[in-house]
Amino acid sequence: APGKERDFVAAITRSGGSTNSADSVKGRFTISRDNA
């Protein structure tokens, strides 16, 4: 954000089997991947 440091939002494992997200976005943001 303007004037702020870069913060973690969400991450996903190589196969997409597990995800993690920051508390500030949990329940609102969803990370996914399509390896193909």
PDB file of all heavy atoms in Angstrom:
ATOM      1  N   ALA A   1       0.842  -1.187   0.000  1.00  0.00           N
ATOM      2  CA  ALA A   1       0.000   0.000   0.000  1.00  0.00           C
ATOM      3  C   ALA A   1       0.883   1.245   0.000  1.00  0.00           C
ATOM      4  O   ALA A   1       2.058   1.187   0.371  1.00  0.00           O
ATOM      5  CB  ALA A   1      -0.915  -0.002   1.220  1.00  0.00           C
ATOM      6  N   PRO A   2       0.329   2.388  -0.398  1.00  0.00           N
ATOM      7  CA  PRO A   2       1.122   3.617  -0.404  1.00  0.00           C
ATOM      8  C   PRO A   2       1.730   3.912   0.958  1.00  0.00           C
ATOM      9  O   PRO A   2       1.030   3.910   1.978  1.00  0.00           O
ATOM     10  CB  PRO A   2       0.105   4.689  -0.799  1.00  0.00           C
ATOM     11  CG  PRO A   2      -0.925   3.952  -1.582  1.00  0.00           C
ATOM     12  CD  PRO A   2      -1.026   2.605  -0.930  1.00  0.00           C
ATOM     13  N   GLY A   3       3.028   4.144   0.983  1.00  0.00           N
ATOM     14  CA  GLY A   3       3.725   4.462   2.210  1.00  0.00           C
ATOM     15  C   GLY A   3       3.946   3.296   3.149  1.00  0.00           C
ATOM     16  O   GLY A   3       4.425   3.502   4.267  1.00  0.00           O
ATOM     17  N   LYS A   4       3.621   2.083   2.721  1.00  0.00           N
ATOM     18  CA  LYS A   4       3.758   0.899   3.567  1.00  0.00           C
ATOM     19  C   LYS A   4       4.768  -0.078   2.986  1.00  0.00           C
ATOM     20  O   LYS A   4       5.175   0.034   1.828  1.00  0.00           O
ATOM     21  CB  LYS A   4       2.404   0.193   3.719  1.00  0.00           C
ATOM     22  CG  LYS A   4       1.277   1.073   4.219  1.00  0.00           C
ATOM     23  CD  LYS A   4       1.501   1.525   5.634  1.00  0.00           C
ATOM     24  CE  LYS A   4       0.299   2.313   6.150  1.00  0.00           C
ATOM     25  NZ  LYS A   4       0.501   2.757   7.547  1.00  0.00           N
ATOM     26  N   GLU A   5       5.162  -1.048   3.795  1.00  0.00           N
ATOM     27  CA  GLU A   5       6.042  -2.108   3.333  1.00  0.00           C
ATOM     28  C   GLU A   5       5.248  -3.184   2.614  1.00  0.00           C
ATOM     29  O   GLU A   5       4.020  -3.272   2.747  1.00  0.00           O
ATOM     30  CB  GLU A   5       6.815  -2.719   4.500  1.00  0.00           C
ATOM     31  CG  GLU A   5       7.808  -1.777   5.137  1.00  0.00           C
ATOM     32  CD  GLU A   5       8.773  -2.495   6.058  1.00  0.00           C
ATOM     33  OE1 GLU A   5       8.454  -3.606   6.507  1.00  0.00           O
ATOM     34  OE2 GLU A   5       9.851  -1.938   6.315  1.00  0.00           O
ATOM     35  N   ARG A   6       5.958  -3.995   1.853  1.00  0.00           N
ATOM     36  CA  ARG A   6       5.328  -5.082   1.132  1.00  0.00           C
ATOM     37  C   ARG A   6       4.970  -6.213   2.097  1.00  0.00           C
ATOM     38  O   ARG A   6       5.832  -6.734   2.800  1.00  0.00           O
ATOM     39  CB  ARG A   6       6.258  -5.593   0.031  1.00  0.00           C
ATOM     40  CG  ARG A   6       5.608  -6.554  -0.936  1.00  0.00           C
ATOM     41  CD  ARG A   6       6.538  -6.874  -2.101  1.00  0.00           C
ATOM     42  NE  ARG A   6       6.884  -5.681  -2.865  1.00  0.00           N
ATOM     43  CZ  ARG A   6       7.601  -5.694  -3.986  1.00  0.00           C
ATOM     44  NH1 ARG A   6       8.049  -6.832  -4.472  1.00  0.00           N
ATOM     45  NH2 ARG A   6       7.874  -4.556  -4.604  1.00  0.00           N
ATOM     46  N   ASP A   7       3.702  -6.606   2.122  1.00  0.00           N
ATOM     47  CA  ASP A   7       3.197  -7.580   3.082  1.00  0.00           C
ATOM     48  C   ASP A   7       2.696  -8.841   2.389  1.00  0.00           C
ATOM     49  O   ASP A   7       2.161  -8.796   1.282  1.00  0.00           O
ATOM     50  CB  ASP A   7       2.056  -6.990   3.909  1.00  0.00           C
ATOM     51  CG  ASP A   7       2.508  -5.895   4.857  1.00  0.00           C
ATOM     52  OD1 ASP A   7       3.649  -5.966   5.349  1.00  0.00           O
ATOM     53  OD2 ASP A   7       1.719  -4.969   5.118  1.00  0.00           O
ATOM     54  N   PHE A   8       2.834  -9.945   3.093  1.00  0.00           N
ATOM     55  CA  PHE A   8       2.337 -11.234   2.624  1.00  0.00           C
ATOM     56  C   PHE A   8       0.821 -11.231   2.553  1.00  0.00           C
ATOM     57  O   PHE A   8       0.144 -10.720   3.453  1.00  0.00           O
ATOM     58  CB  PHE A   8       2.815 -12.332   3.573  1.00  0.00           C
ATOM     59  CG  PHE A   8       2.151 -13.656   3.355  1.00  0.00           C
ATOM     60  CD1 PHE A   8       2.461 -14.437   2.256  1.00  0.00           C
ATOM     61  CD2 PHE A   8       1.209 -14.127   4.259  1.00  0.00           C
ATOM     62  CE1 PHE A   8       1.853 -15.659   2.056  1.00  0.00           C
ATOM     63  CE2 PHE A   8       0.597 -15.350   4.069  1.00  0.00           C
ATOM     64  CZ  PHE A   8       0.919 -16.118   2.963  1.00  0.00           C
ATOM     65  N   VAL A   9       0.285 -11.822   1.501  1.00  0.00           N
ATOM     66  CA  VAL A   9      -1.154 -11.951   1.331  1.00  0.00           C
ATOM     67  C   VAL A   9      -1.586 -13.416   1.350  1.00  0.00           C
ATOM     68  O   VAL A   9      -2.436 -13.815   2.147  1.00  0.00           O
ATOM     69  CB  VAL A   9      -1.633 -11.282   0.029  1.00  0.00           C
ATOM     70  CG1 VAL A   9      -3.126 -11.522  -0.181  1.00  0.00           C
ATOM     71  CG2 VAL A   9      -1.327  -9.796   0.057  1.00  0.00           C
ATOM     72  N   ALA A  10      -1.015 -14.229   0.463  1.00  0.00           N
ATOM     73  CA  ALA A  10      -1.422 -15.625   0.357  1.00  0.00           C
ATOM     74  C   ALA A  10      -0.348 -16.417  -0.359  1.00  0.00           C
ATOM     75  O   ALA A  10       0.446 -15.870  -1.120  1.00  0.00           O
ATOM     76  CB  ALA A  10      -2.757 -15.754  -0.386  1.00  0.00           C
ATOM     77  N   ALA A  11      -0.331 -17.731  -0.122  1.00  0.00           N
ATOM     78  CA  ALA A  11       0.623 -18.616  -0.772  1.00  0.00           C
ATOM     79  C   ALA A  11      -0.021 -19.964  -1.034  1.00  0.00           C
ATOM     80  O   ALA A  11      -0.990 -20.349  -0.365  1.00  0.00           O
ATOM     81  CB  ALA A  11       1.875 -18.796   0.082  1.00  0.00           C
ATOM     82  N   ILE A  12       0.549 -20.692  -1.982  1.00  0.00           N
ATOM     83  CA  ILE A  12       0.022 -21.990  -2.363  1.00  0.00           C
ATOM     84  C   ILE A  12       1.178 -22.929  -2.685  1.00  0.00           C
ATOM     85  O   ILE A  12       2.181 -22.519  -3.271  1.00  0.00           O
ATOM     86  CB  ILE A  12      -0.954 -21.852  -3.554  1.00  0.00           C
ATOM     87  CG1 ILE A  12      -1.681 -23.162  -3.841  1.00  0.00           C
ATOM     88  CG2 ILE A  12      -0.233 -21.336  -4.796  1.00  0.00           C
ATOM     89  CD1 ILE A  12      -2.876 -22.991  -4.771  1.00  0.00           C
ATOM     90  N   THR A  13       1.045 -24.193  -2.298  1.00  0.00           N
ATOM     91  CA  THR A  13       2.088 -25.181  -2.537  1.00  0.00           C
ATOM     92  C   THR A  13       2.160 -25.563  -4.009  1.00  0.00           C
ATOM     93  O   THR A  13       1.309 -25.194  -4.817  1.00  0.00           O
ATOM     94  CB  THR A  13       1.858 -26.437  -1.697  1.00  0.00           C
ATOM     95  OG1 THR A  13       0.530 -26.933  -1.933  1.00  0.00           O
ATOM     96  CG2 THR A  13       2.013 -26.133  -0.216  1.00  0.00           C
ATOM     97  N   ARG A  14       3.184 -26.355  -4.344  1.00  0.00           N
ATOM     98  CA  ARG A  14       3.460 -26.670  -5.745  1.00  0.00           C
ATOM     99  C   ARG A  14       2.300 -27.336  -6.460  1.00  0.00           C
ATOM    100  O   ARG A  14       1.996 -27.006  -7.618  1.00  0.00           O
ATOM    101  CB  ARG A  14       4.709 -27.549  -5.844  1.00  0.00           C
ATOM    102  CG  ARG A  14       5.989 -26.857  -5.418  1.00  0.00           C
ATOM    103  CD  ARG A  14       7.170 -27.786  -5.531  1.00  0.00           C
ATOM    104  NE  ARG A  14       7.076 -28.919  -4.610  1.00  0.00           N
ATOM    105  CZ  ARG A  14       7.958 -29.902  -4.553  1.00  0.00           C
ATOM    106  NH1 ARG A  14       9.013 -29.905  -5.371  1.00  0.00           N
ATOM    107  NH2 ARG A  14       7.793 -30.886  -3.684  1.00  0.00           N
ATOM    108  N   SER A  15       1.646 -28.251  -5.781  1.00  0.00           N
ATOM    109  CA  SER A  15       0.532 -28.970  -6.385  1.00  0.00           C
ATOM    110  C   SER A  15      -0.804 -28.283  -6.155  1.00  0.00           C
ATOM    111  O   SER A  15      -1.818 -28.706  -6.716  1.00  0.00           O
ATOM    112  CB  SER A  15       0.467 -30.390  -5.841  1.00  0.00           C
ATOM    113  OG  SER A  15       0.141 -30.385  -4.462  1.00  0.00           O
ATOM    114  N   GLY A  16      -0.807 -27.258  -5.331  1.00  0.00           N
ATOM    115  CA  GLY A  16      -2.041 -26.582  -4.987  1.00  0.00           C
ATOM    116  C   GLY A  16      -2.810 -27.234  -3.861  1.00  0.00           C
ATOM    117  O   GLY A  16      -3.946 -26.836  -3.582  1.00  0.00           O
ATOM    118  N   GLY A  17      -2.194 -28.207  -3.195  1.00  0.00           N
ATOM    119  CA  GLY A  17      -2.894 -28.945  -2.165  1.00  0.00           C
ATOM    120  C   GLY A  17      -3.080 -28.203  -0.862  1.00  0.00           C
ATOM    121  O   GLY A  17      -3.971 -28.546  -0.075  1.00  0.00           O
ATOM    122  N   SER A  18      -2.240 -27.211  -0.606  1.00  0.00           N
ATOM    123  CA  SER A  18      -2.318 -26.448   0.628  1.00  0.00           C
ATOM    124  C   SER A  18      -2.173 -24.971   0.324  1.00  0.00           C
ATOM    125  O   SER A  18      -1.431 -24.588  -0.580  1.00  0.00           O
ATOM    126  CB  SER A  18      -1.231 -26.880   1.610  1.00  0.00           C
ATOM    127  OG  SER A  18      -1.393 -28.225   2.002  1.00  0.00           O
ATOM    128  N   THR A  19      -2.866 -24.155   1.103  1.00  0.00           N
ATOM    129  CA  THR A  19      -2.764 -22.708   0.971  1.00  0.00           C
ATOM    130  C   THR A  19      -2.627 -22.066   2.339  1.00  0.00           C
ATOM    131  O   THR A  19      -2.998 -22.653   3.361  1.00  0.00           O
ATOM    132  CB  THR A  19      -3.988 -22.114   0.259  1.00  0.00           C
ATOM    133  OG1 THR A  19      -5.163 -22.365   1.040  1.00  0.00           O
ATOM    134  CG2 THR A  19      -4.165 -22.722  -1.126  1.00  0.00           C
ATOM    135  N   ASN A  20      -2.101 -20.869   2.347  1.00  0.00           N
ATOM    136  CA  ASN A  20      -2.000 -20.054   3.544  1.00  0.00           C
ATOM    137  C   ASN A  20      -2.317 -18.619   3.177  1.00  0.00           C
ATOM    138  O   ASN A  20      -2.032 -18.182   2.065  1.00  0.00           O
ATOM    139  CB  ASN A  20      -0.612 -20.139   4.169  1.00  0.00           C
ATOM    140  CG  ASN A  20      -0.290 -21.513   4.685  1.00  0.00           C
ATOM    141  OD1 ASN A  20       0.179 -22.383   3.945  1.00  0.00           O
ATOM    142  ND2 ASN A  20      -0.554 -21.738   5.971  1.00  0.00           N
ATOM    143  N   SER A  21      -2.882 -17.898   4.108  1.00  0.00           N
ATOM    144  CA  SER A  21      -3.216 -16.508   3.851  1.00  0.00           C
ATOM    145  C   SER A  21      -3.032 -15.674   5.104  1.00  0.00           C
ATOM    146  O   SER A  21      -3.060 -16.190   6.225  1.00  0.00           O
ATOM    147  CB  SER A  21      -4.651 -16.372   3.331  1.00  0.00           C
ATOM    148  OG  SER A  21      -5.580 -16.868   4.271  1.00  0.00           O
ATOM    149  N   ALA A  22      -2.842 -14.391   4.901  1.00  0.00           N
ATOM    150  CA  ALA A  22      -2.710 -13.467   6.017  1.00  0.00           C
ATOM    151  C   ALA A  22      -4.037 -13.319   6.741  1.00  0.00           C
ATOM    152  O   ALA A  22      -5.112 -13.444   6.142  1.00  0.00           O
ATOM    153  CB  ALA A  22      -2.229 -12.111   5.511  1.00  0.00           C
ATOM    154  N   ASP A  23      -3.964 -13.039   8.036  1.00  0.00           N
ATOM    155  CA  ASP A  23      -5.183 -12.871   8.817  1.00  0.00           C
ATOM    156  C   ASP A  23      -6.078 -11.767   8.260  1.00  0.00           C
ATOM    157  O   ASP A  23      -7.306 -11.859   8.330  1.00  0.00           O
ATOM    158  CB  ASP A  23      -4.838 -12.556  10.271  1.00  0.00           C
ATOM    159  CG  ASP A  23      -4.265 -13.750  11.004  1.00  0.00           C
ATOM    160  OD1 ASP A  23      -4.430 -14.890  10.525  1.00  0.00           O
ATOM    161  OD2 ASP A  23      -3.657 -13.546  12.073  1.00  0.00           O
ATOM    162  N   SER A  24      -5.473 -10.744   7.698  1.00  0.00           N
ATOM    163  CA  SER A  24      -6.236  -9.605   7.212  1.00  0.00           C
ATOM    164  C   SER A  24      -7.118  -9.932   6.017  1.00  0.00           C
ATOM    165  O   SER A  24      -8.062  -9.194   5.729  1.00  0.00           O
ATOM    166  CB  SER A  24      -5.290  -8.454   6.858  1.00  0.00           C
ATOM    167  OG  SER A  24      -4.367  -8.852   5.859  1.00  0.00           O
ATOM    168  N   VAL A  25      -6.812 -11.023   5.310  1.00  0.00           N
ATOM    169  CA  VAL A  25      -7.588 -11.380   4.126  1.00  0.00           C
ATOM    170  C   VAL A  25      -8.264 -12.733   4.247  1.00  0.00           C
ATOM    171  O   VAL A  25      -9.016 -13.121   3.342  1.00  0.00           O
ATOM    172  CB  VAL A  25      -6.715 -11.356   2.857  1.00  0.00           C
ATOM    173  CG1 VAL A  25      -6.015 -10.018   2.712  1.00  0.00           C
ATOM    174  CG2 VAL A  25      -5.704 -12.500   2.864  1.00  0.00           C
ATOM    175  N   LYS A  26      -8.026 -13.444   5.333  1.00  0.00           N
ATOM    176  CA  LYS A  26      -8.574 -14.782   5.506  1.00  0.00           C
ATOM    177  C   LYS A  26     -10.100 -14.746   5.455  1.00  0.00           C
ATOM    178  O   LYS A  26     -10.739 -13.922   6.098  1.00  0.00           O
ATOM    179  CB  LYS A  26      -8.083 -15.375   6.819  1.00  0.00           C
ATOM    180  CG  LYS A  26      -8.260 -16.875   6.941  1.00  0.00           C
ATOM    181  CD  LYS A  26      -7.383 -17.438   8.067  1.00  0.00           C
ATOM    182  CE  LYS A  26      -5.911 -17.257   7.753  1.00  0.00           C
ATOM    183  NZ  LYS A  26      -5.031 -17.832   8.800  1.00  0.00           N
ATOM    184  N   GLY A  27     -10.657 -15.653   4.666  1.00  0.00           N
ATOM    185  CA  GLY A  27     -12.093 -15.696   4.489  1.00  0.00           C
ATOM    186  C   GLY A  27     -12.600 -14.829   3.366  1.00  0.00           C
ATOM    187  O   GLY A  27     -13.768 -14.955   2.967  1.00  0.00           O
ATOM    188  N   ARG A  28     -11.766 -13.952   2.853  1.00  0.00           N
ATOM    189  CA  ARG A  28     -12.153 -13.065   1.762  1.00  0.00           C
ATOM    190  C   ARG A  28     -11.374 -13.342   0.478  1.00  0.00           C
ATOM    191  O   ARG A  28     -11.934 -13.224  -0.614  1.00  0.00           O
ATOM    192  CB  ARG A  28     -11.951 -11.604   2.160  1.00  0.00           C
ATOM    193  CG  ARG A  28     -12.789 -11.182   3.358  1.00  0.00           C
ATOM    194  CD  ARG A  28     -12.701  -9.677   3.579  1.00  0.00           C
ATOM    195  NE  ARG A  28     -11.328  -9.246   3.871  1.00  0.00           N
ATOM    196  CZ  ARG A  28     -10.648  -8.370   3.133  1.00  0.00           C
ATOM    197  NH1 ARG A  28     -11.214  -7.814   2.059  1.00  0.00           N
ATOM    198  NH2 ARG A  28      -9.414  -8.016   3.472  1.00  0.00           N
ATOM    199  N   PHE A  29     -10.091 -13.664   0.616  1.00  0.00           N
ATOM    200  CA  PHE A  29      -9.232 -13.909  -0.541  1.00  0.00           C
ATOM    201  C   PHE A  29      -8.932 -15.396  -0.656  1.00  0.00           C
ATOM    202  O   PHE A  29      -8.722 -16.080   0.351  1.00  0.00           O
ATOM    203  CB  PHE A  29      -7.901 -13.168  -0.410  1.00  0.00           C
ATOM    204  CG  PHE A  29      -7.978 -11.674  -0.511  1.00  0.00           C
ATOM    205  CD1 PHE A  29      -9.196 -11.001  -0.494  1.00  0.00           C
ATOM    206  CD2 PHE A  29      -6.816 -10.926  -0.625  1.00  0.00           C
ATOM    207  CE1 PHE A  29      -9.257  -9.614  -0.582  1.00  0.00           C
ATOM    208  CE2 PHE A  29      -6.860  -9.552  -0.716  1.00  0.00           C
ATOM    209  CZ  PHE A  29      -8.075  -8.893  -0.698  1.00  0.00           C
ATOM    210  N   THR A  30      -8.865 -15.888  -1.883  1.00  0.00           N
ATOM    211  CA  THR A  30      -8.538 -17.277  -2.144  1.00  0.00           C
ATOM    212  C   THR A  30      -7.479 -17.365  -3.230  1.00  0.00           C
ATOM    213  O   THR A  30      -7.662 -16.815  -4.319  1.00  0.00           O
ATOM    214  CB  THR A  30      -9.775 -18.073  -2.582  1.00  0.00           C
ATOM    215  OG1 THR A  30     -10.789 -17.994  -1.574  1.00  0.00           O
ATOM    216  CG2 THR A  30      -9.413 -19.542  -2.793  1.00  0.00           C
ATOM    217  N   ILE A  31      -6.390 -18.057  -2.936  1.00  0.00           N
ATOM    218  CA  ILE A  31      -5.350 -18.285  -3.925  1.00  0.00           C
ATOM    219  C   ILE A  31      -5.556 -19.659  -4.554  1.00  0.00           C
ATOM    220  O   ILE A  31      -5.961 -20.608  -3.879  1.00  0.00           O
ATOM    221  CB  ILE A  31      -3.943 -18.161  -3.298  1.00  0.00           C
ATOM    222  CG1 ILE A  31      -2.855 -18.215  -4.372  1.00  0.00           C
ATOM    223  CG2 ILE A  31      -3.717 -19.222  -2.230  1.00  0.00           C
ATOM    224  CD1 ILE A  31      -1.460 -17.894  -3.842  1.00  0.00           C
ATOM    225  N   SER A  32      -5.296 -19.756  -5.837  1.00  0.00           N
ATOM    226  CA  SER A  32      -5.393 -21.024  -6.541  1.00  0.00           C
ATOM    227  C   SER A  32      -4.380 -21.039  -7.674  1.00  0.00           C
ATOM    228  O   SER A  32      -3.787 -20.004  -7.999  1.00  0.00           O
ATOM    229  CB  SER A  32      -6.813 -21.261  -7.074  1.00  0.00           C
ATOM    230  OG  SER A  32      -7.171 -20.259  -8.011  1.00  0.00           O
ATOM    231  N   ARG A  33      -4.163 -22.203  -8.261  1.00  0.00           N
ATOM    232  CA  ARG A  33      -3.223 -22.288  -9.377  1.00  0.00           C
ATOM    233  C   ARG A  33      -3.692 -23.322 -10.380  1.00  0.00           C
ATOM    234  O   ARG A  33      -4.378 -24.292 -10.035  1.00  0.00           O
ATOM    235  CB  ARG A  33      -1.806 -22.611  -8.888  1.00  0.00           C
ATOM    236  CG  ARG A  33      -1.620 -24.003  -8.309  1.00  0.00           C
ATOM    237  CD  ARG A  33      -0.282 -24.125  -7.585  1.00  0.00           C
ATOM    238  NE  ARG A  33       0.852 -23.949  -8.475  1.00  0.00           N
ATOM    239  CZ  ARG A  33       2.093 -23.694  -8.072  1.00  0.00           C
ATOM    240  NH1 ARG A  33       2.355 -23.561  -6.768  1.00  0.00           N
ATOM    241  NH2 ARG A  33       3.073 -23.564  -8.959  1.00  0.00           N
ATOM    242  N   ASP A  34      -3.302 -23.101 -11.621  1.00  0.00           N
ATOM    243  CA  ASP A  34      -3.558 -24.027 -12.706  1.00  0.00           C
ATOM    244  C   ASP A  34      -2.207 -24.311 -13.341  1.00  0.00           C
ATOM    245  O   ASP A  34      -1.715 -23.528 -14.155  1.00  0.00           O
ATOM    246  CB  ASP A  34      -4.539 -23.439 -13.711  1.00  0.00           C
ATOM    247  CG  ASP A  34      -4.936 -24.424 -14.794  1.00  0.00           C
ATOM    248  OD1 ASP A  34      -4.226 -25.433 -14.991  1.00  0.00           O
ATOM    249  OD2 ASP A  34      -5.965 -24.189 -15.452  1.00  0.00           O
ATOM    250  N   ASN A  35      -1.590 -25.420 -12.955  1.00  0.00           N
ATOM    251  CA  ASN A  35      -0.242 -25.718 -13.428  1.00  0.00           C
ATOM    252  C   ASN A  35      -0.201 -25.985 -14.930  1.00  0.00           C
ATOM    253  O   ASN A  35       0.830 -25.761 -15.572  1.00  0.00           O
ATOM    254  CB  ASN A  35       0.331 -26.908 -12.659  1.00  0.00           C
ATOM    255  CG  ASN A  35       0.719 -26.550 -11.245  1.00  0.00           C
ATOM    256  OD1 ASN A  35       0.807 -25.373 -10.898  1.00  0.00           O
ATOM    257  ND2 ASN A  35       0.955 -27.550 -10.417  1.00  0.00           N
ATOM    258  N   ALA A  36      -1.291 -26.466 -15.503  1.00  0.00           N
ATOM    259  CA  ALA A  36      -1.336 -26.684 -16.940  1.00  0.00           C
ATOM    260  C   ALA A  36      -1.250 -25.377 -17.709  1.00  0.00           C
ATOM    261  O   ALA A  36      -0.814 -25.359 -18.861  1.00  0.00           O
ATOM    262  CB  ALA A  36      -2.602 -27.440 -17.328  1.00  0.00           C
TER     263      ALA A  36
END
